Amino acid sequence: MSILRWKVSDLVDVLYGCTQNKFDAIVFISGARGLGKSTLGYILACKCRARGLSFNPETHMVYSRKETLRLLATKKKTVILSDEMVNVSYSRDFYEQEQKTLLKALNLYRDSCNVFLGCIPSFSDLDIQMKRLCKIKIYVKRRGVAIIEVPVRGMYNPDPWDTKANIKKEEKNPNAFSRFSTVKGILRFGDLKPKARAKYERLKAANRNRVFNANLDLKDLNPQQQMIEKIYNKIESGNFTKQYLIDSAELLNKKYTALCSKLNLMLKDKGKPTISYFIKQIEKKEKEEDIKKKIAMEDSLIPTALLNK
């Protein structure tokens, strides 16, 4: 079965059409680092501006949840480009109050006719409610090539992205995109022109530094989050025990499994193995130390006369 070929202009027509029909358009762009997620997002935003929607890169390209909420609450028929969605809506932050506020804002202002573009490494890292709000999912497979997906609609469908069924199909043939129930076509896109690229890189660097420096202010850090960061550092260095995690969960008033899940996501962000791996390594090391001590103790009990024979 052949797959539908899309141009950037085709996708812009769909996004613009949503706003003309008094709907918003929430789009997530995923893919590995360096393949052009942000480039595609910026291109789409600029093309939507050419069709009449508002997009000012200096103010509408955001890197924090606070900025995103402000634009959602105040703008209409505007393109909001969340260049690094990991800072705005990540699954491990789901229970934070600001995350709940973001979900409410996306629902409450859905008739503002905005186009929201979010770039994130993996769509699966978004929480389930955010996935349900998504109208178009774009997976950048390689530079200049992306797969367009839309949810499978149904009154009683608990998973609009048909995840389990599509995973099975992908395992059989990763390149048979036309067989995936959510895939609507393949998109080819080019790079930014040198002048546009220079402007984008300048704004990106400035906004990143501003948000990063703001996050360094310890007065704004949640004490609980500070403790979790300390626990994470101990895990990363291998300087912890399972009992330490159990005690820490109790201090944080969290379930042990909930704390481990949060820490595992932090480890995943940096390409590290899970907590269970570290625990096994520590237990293995402790077991080896116990054996060495036992052998040393047994050797000390052997009479010197027998050792000299």
Protein backbone atom coordinates (compact mmCIF):
# COMPACT_ATOMS: atom_id res chain seq x y z
CA MET A 1 0.00 0.00 0.00
CA SER A 2 1.41 3.40 -1.03
CA ILE A 3 1.70 6.17 1.54
CA LEU A 4 0.41 9.72 1.04
CA ARG A 5 3.14 12.28 0.35
CA TRP A 6 2.78 15.61 2.14
CA LYS A 7 4.42 18.98 1.55
CA VAL A 8 4.92 21.55 4.29
CA SER A 9 2.24 23.70 2.63
CA ASP A 10 -0.25 20.82 2.90
CA LEU A 11 0.30 20.55 6.65
CA VAL A 12 0.07 24.33 7.07
CA ASP A 13 -3.28 24.24 5.23
CA VAL A 14 -4.57 21.72 7.79
CA LEU A 15 -3.33 23.75 10.78
CA TYR A 16 -4.71 26.99 9.37
CA GLY A 17 -8.00 25.25 8.60
CA CYS A 18 -8.36 24.22 12.24
CA THR A 19 -8.10 27.85 13.36
CA GLN A 20 -10.61 28.98 10.73
CA ASN A 21 -13.10 26.40 12.03
CA LYS A 22 -12.73 27.91 15.54
CA PHE A 23 -10.56 25.06 16.85
CA ASP A 24 -7.05 25.01 18.20
CA ALA A 25 -4.36 22.73 16.75
CA ILE A 26 -2.08 20.98 19.24
CA VAL A 27 0.87 19.33 17.48
CA PHE A 28 3.79 17.41 18.97
CA ILE A 29 6.99 16.86 17.01
CA SER A 30 9.19 14.01 18.23
CA GLY A 31 12.42 12.38 17.10
CA ALA A 32 16.05 11.86 18.07
CA ARG A 33 18.31 14.77 18.91
CA GLY A 34 19.73 16.67 15.94
CA LEU A 35 17.32 15.40 13.28
CA GLY A 36 15.47 18.69 12.85
CA LYS A 37 12.46 18.73 15.21
CA SER A 38 13.00 22.38 16.11
CA THR A 39 13.77 23.28 12.49
CA LEU A 40 10.47 21.77 11.35
CA GLY A 41 8.59 23.51 14.17
CA TYR A 42 10.11 26.87 13.24
CA ILE A 43 9.35 26.36 9.54
CA LEU A 44 5.71 25.49 10.30
CA ALA A 45 5.36 28.52 12.59
CA CYS A 46 6.75 30.88 9.94
CA LYS A 47 4.58 29.36 7.20
CA CYS A 48 1.48 29.72 9.40
CA ARG A 49 2.41 33.40 9.90
CA ALA A 50 2.50 33.79 6.12
CA ARG A 51 -1.11 32.53 6.06
CA GLY A 52 -2.21 35.23 8.52
CA LEU A 53 -1.64 33.78 11.98
CA SER A 54 0.48 35.71 14.47
CA PHE A 55 4.02 34.48 15.19
CA ASN A 56 6.79 36.62 16.63
CA PRO A 57 9.87 34.41 17.31
CA GLU A 58 11.09 36.78 20.05
CA THR A 59 7.97 36.24 22.19
CA HIS A 60 6.09 33.23 20.79
CA MET A 61 8.99 30.76 20.89
CA VAL A 62 8.91 29.61 24.53
CA TYR A 63 11.12 27.53 26.81
CA SER A 64 9.23 27.47 30.10
CA ARG A 65 5.80 26.50 31.41
CA LYS A 66 5.19 30.00 32.81
CA GLU A 67 5.69 31.62 29.40
CA THR A 68 3.47 28.99 27.76
CA LEU A 69 0.62 29.61 30.22
CA ARG A 70 0.85 33.37 29.69
CA LEU A 71 0.54 33.03 25.90
CA LEU A 72 -2.32 30.53 26.10
CA ALA A 73 -4.26 32.89 28.38
CA THR A 74 -3.69 36.05 26.35
CA LYS A 75 -3.28 35.18 22.66
CA LYS A 76 -5.69 34.28 19.88
CA LYS A 77 -4.91 32.96 16.40
CA THR A 78 -1.26 32.75 17.38
CA VAL A 79 1.41 30.12 16.82
CA ILE A 80 3.06 29.09 20.12
CA LEU A 81 6.28 27.17 19.54
CA SER A 82 7.49 25.26 22.60
CA ASP A 83 10.96 24.56 21.26
CA GLU A 84 11.90 22.21 24.12
CA MET A 85 8.66 20.69 25.39
CA VAL A 86 10.64 18.71 28.01
CA ASN A 87 10.73 21.93 30.07
CA VAL A 88 7.00 22.53 29.71
CA SER A 89 5.13 19.22 30.04
CA TYR A 90 6.97 16.09 31.05
CA SER A 91 5.40 12.92 32.48
CA ARG A 92 7.42 12.98 35.69
CA ASP A 93 5.99 16.44 36.47
CA PHE A 94 2.37 15.38 35.99
CA TYR A 95 1.35 15.74 39.62
CA GLU A 96 2.83 19.20 40.02
CA GLN A 97 0.21 21.93 40.30
CA GLU A 98 1.64 23.89 37.36
CA GLN A 99 1.32 20.82 35.14
CA LYS A 100 -2.36 20.53 36.05
CA THR A 101 -2.73 24.23 35.30
CA LEU A 102 -1.18 23.74 31.86
CA LEU A 103 -3.65 20.96 31.02
CA LYS A 104 -6.53 23.15 32.17
CA ALA A 105 -5.25 26.05 30.07
CA LEU A 106 -5.01 23.94 26.91
CA ASN A 107 -8.62 22.82 27.49
CA LEU A 108 -9.99 26.17 28.65
CA TYR A 109 -8.55 28.20 25.76
CA ARG A 110 -9.15 25.62 23.03
CA ASP A 111 -11.44 28.08 21.25
CA SER A 112 -8.69 30.72 21.02
CA CYS A 113 -7.76 29.22 17.64
CA ASN A 114 -4.07 28.94 18.45
CA VAL A 115 -1.57 26.55 16.88
CA PHE A 116 0.55 24.95 19.61
CA LEU A 117 3.74 23.23 18.40
CA GLY A 118 5.68 21.21 20.98
CA CYS A 119 9.08 19.60 20.29
CA ILE A 120 10.05 16.60 22.45
CA PRO A 121 12.46 13.65 22.02
CA SER A 122 9.80 10.98 22.67
CA PHE A 123 6.02 11.24 22.44
CA SER A 124 5.71 8.40 24.97
CA ASP A 125 7.26 10.68 27.64
CA LEU A 126 4.19 12.91 27.63
CA ASP A 127 1.50 12.07 30.17
CA ILE A 128 -1.69 10.41 28.92
CA GLN A 129 -3.88 13.51 29.21
CA MET A 130 -1.48 15.55 27.10
CA LYS A 131 -1.44 12.78 24.46
CA ARG A 132 -5.23 12.90 24.30
CA LEU A 133 -5.14 16.65 23.59
CA CYS A 134 -2.76 16.14 20.66
CA LYS A 135 -4.42 16.47 17.24
CA ILE A 136 -1.40 15.75 15.05
CA LYS A 137 1.76 13.85 15.91
CA ILE A 138 4.87 14.22 13.76
CA TYR A 139 7.79 11.81 14.07
CA VAL A 140 11.01 12.99 12.45
CA LYS A 141 12.61 9.78 11.21
CA ARG A 142 15.67 11.36 9.63
CA ARG A 143 16.76 14.77 8.45
CA GLY A 144 14.13 16.17 6.12
CA VAL A 145 11.74 13.22 6.49
CA ALA A 146 8.87 12.93 8.99
CA ILE A 147 5.85 10.70 9.56
CA ILE A 148 2.46 12.38 10.12
CA GLU A 149 0.00 10.70 12.49
CA VAL A 150 -3.49 11.54 13.73
CA PRO A 151 -5.44 9.86 16.56
CA VAL A 152 -7.96 7.09 15.99
CA ARG A 153 -11.30 8.49 17.08
CA GLY A 154 -13.94 6.53 18.99
CA MET A 155 -16.39 7.07 21.86
CA TYR A 156 -14.88 4.30 23.98
CA ASN A 157 -11.31 4.21 22.73
CA PRO A 158 -8.98 4.51 25.78
CA ASP A 159 -5.90 4.97 23.59
CA PRO A 160 -6.45 7.27 20.59
CA TRP A 161 -2.92 6.52 19.36
CA ASP A 162 -3.56 2.75 19.14
CA THR A 163 -0.19 2.21 20.82
CA LYS A 164 -0.25 -1.55 21.47
CA ALA A 165 -1.45 -2.48 17.98
CA ASN A 166 1.06 -0.17 16.29
CA ILE A 167 3.93 -1.48 18.42
CA LYS A 168 3.18 -5.02 17.20
CA LYS A 169 3.11 -3.83 13.58
CA GLU A 170 6.37 -1.93 14.05
CA GLU A 171 8.06 -5.02 15.53
CA LYS A 172 7.13 -7.01 12.41
CA ASN A 173 8.25 -4.32 9.97
CA PRO A 174 9.56 -0.95 11.30
CA ASN A 175 9.36 0.68 7.86
CA ALA A 176 5.81 -0.36 6.91
CA PHE A 177 4.37 3.01 7.97
CA SER A 178 1.30 2.71 5.76
CA ARG A 179 0.12 -0.22 7.90
CA PHE A 180 0.10 1.80 11.13
CA SER A 181 -3.47 2.76 12.04
CA THR A 182 -2.55 6.36 12.95
CA VAL A 183 -0.25 7.21 10.02
CA LYS A 184 -1.65 9.61 7.43
CA GLY A 185 1.41 10.29 5.33
CA ILE A 186 5.08 11.10 5.00
CA LEU A 187 6.34 14.70 5.07
CA ARG A 188 9.49 15.98 3.42
CA PHE A 189 10.91 19.31 4.56
CA GLY A 190 14.02 21.36 3.89
CA ASP A 191 16.38 23.35 6.08
CA LEU A 192 16.09 26.98 7.12
CA LYS A 193 17.72 29.59 4.92
CA PRO A 194 21.02 30.94 6.34
CA LYS A 195 19.52 34.24 7.53
CA ALA A 196 16.54 32.53 9.20
CA ARG A 197 18.86 29.88 10.71
CA ALA A 198 21.10 32.56 12.24
CA LYS A 199 18.12 34.36 13.78
CA TYR A 200 16.65 31.14 15.16
CA GLU A 201 19.95 30.03 16.72
CA ARG A 202 20.45 33.46 18.30
CA LEU A 203 16.98 33.48 19.87
CA LYS A 204 17.29 29.88 20.99
CA ALA A 205 20.58 30.49 22.79
CA ALA A 206 19.30 33.66 24.48
CA ASN A 207 16.04 32.08 25.68
CA ARG A 208 17.76 28.89 26.87
CA ASN A 209 20.25 30.88 28.94
CA ARG A 210 17.53 33.05 30.41
CA VAL A 211 15.40 30.08 31.50
CA PHE A 212 18.41 28.15 32.77
CA ASN A 213 19.66 31.06 34.84
CA ALA A 214 16.18 31.59 36.29
CA ASN A 215 16.09 27.95 37.36
CA LEU A 216 19.38 28.40 39.22
CA ASP A 217 17.68 30.68 41.74
CA LEU A 218 17.46 28.44 44.80
CA LYS A 219 14.68 30.57 46.27
CA ASP A 220 12.38 29.28 43.53
CA LEU A 221 13.32 25.62 43.99
CA ASN A 222 10.87 23.27 45.67
CA PRO A 223 12.54 21.80 48.83
CA GLN A 224 11.15 18.38 47.91
CA GLN A 225 12.67 18.64 44.44
CA GLN A 226 16.01 19.63 45.97
CA MET A 227 15.96 16.45 48.07
CA ILE A 228 15.08 14.33 45.03
CA GLU A 229 18.03 15.86 43.16
CA LYS A 230 20.32 14.86 46.06
CA ILE A 231 18.93 11.30 46.01
CA TYR A 232 19.47 11.18 42.24
CA ASN A 233 23.11 12.26 42.62
CA LYS A 234 23.69 9.46 45.14
CA ILE A 235 22.18 6.92 42.74
CA GLU A 236 24.25 8.18 39.81
CA SER A 237 27.42 7.81 41.90
CA GLY A 238 26.37 4.38 43.18
CA ASN A 239 26.61 5.63 46.77
CA PHE A 240 23.25 4.39 48.13
CA THR A 241 21.33 1.35 49.37
CA LYS A 242 17.77 0.14 48.88
CA GLN A 243 17.05 0.96 52.51
CA TYR A 244 18.23 4.53 51.87
CA LEU A 245 15.60 4.85 49.13
CA ILE A 246 12.88 3.38 51.37
CA ASP A 247 13.75 5.84 54.15
CA SER A 248 13.91 8.74 51.67
CA ALA A 249 10.46 7.89 50.27
CA GLU A 250 9.08 7.96 53.82
CA LEU A 251 10.65 11.37 54.48
CA LEU A 252 9.17 12.72 51.25
CA ASN A 253 5.78 11.23 52.14
CA LYS A 254 5.84 9.25 48.89
CA LYS A 255 5.40 5.59 48.06
CA TYR A 256 8.69 3.79 47.43
CA THR A 257 7.51 2.75 43.93
CA ALA A 258 6.46 6.33 43.09
CA LEU A 259 9.88 7.69 44.12
CA CYS A 260 11.65 5.01 42.07
CA SER A 261 9.50 5.80 39.02
CA LYS A 262 10.39 9.48 39.22
CA LEU A 263 14.09 8.71 39.67
CA ASN A 264 14.05 6.19 36.81
CA LEU A 265 12.70 8.88 34.48
CA MET A 266 15.51 11.21 35.56
CA LEU A 267 18.02 8.43 34.86
CA LYS A 268 16.41 7.75 31.48
CA ASP A 269 16.84 11.44 30.55
CA LYS A 270 20.60 11.03 30.81
CA GLY A 271 20.75 7.60 29.19
CA LYS A 272 21.45 5.84 32.50
CA PRO A 273 20.20 2.37 33.51
CA THR A 274 17.37 1.96 36.02
CA ILE A 275 17.64 1.93 39.81
CA SER A 276 17.27 -1.86 39.88
CA TYR A 277 20.51 -2.14 37.88
CA PHE A 278 22.40 0.01 40.39
CA ILE A 279 20.94 -1.97 43.31
CA LYS A 280 22.03 -5.28 41.74
CA GLN A 281 25.54 -3.91 41.20
CA ILE A 282 25.74 -2.73 44.83
CA GLU A 283 24.40 -6.06 46.15
CA LYS A 284 26.89 -7.94 43.98
CA LYS A 285 29.75 -5.82 45.32
CA GLU A 286 28.57 -6.31 48.93
CA LYS A 287 28.34 -10.05 48.38
CA GLU A 288 31.89 -10.16 47.01
CA GLU A 289 33.10 -8.15 50.03
CA ASP A 290 31.34 -10.56 52.41
CA ILE A 291 33.02 -13.54 50.71
CA LYS A 292 36.43 -11.87 51.01
CA LYS A 293 35.85 -11.16 54.70
CA LYS A 294 34.72 -14.73 55.30
CA ILE A 295 37.80 -16.15 53.59
CA ALA A 296 40.06 -13.78 55.54
CA MET A 297 38.40 -14.81 58.81
CA GLU A 298 38.76 -18.52 58.01
CA ASP A 299 42.43 -18.02 57.13
CA SER A 300 43.04 -16.30 60.46
CA LEU A 301 41.71 -19.36 62.31
CA ILE A 302 44.19 -21.76 60.69
CA PRO A 303 47.10 -22.51 63.10
CA THR A 304 50.41 -20.97 62.01
CA ALA A 305 52.11 -24.38 62.35
CA LEU A 306 49.85 -25.85 59.66
CA LEU A 307 50.55 -22.95 57.32
CA ASN A 308 54.32 -23.52 57.66
CA LYS A 309 54.15 -27.23 56.73
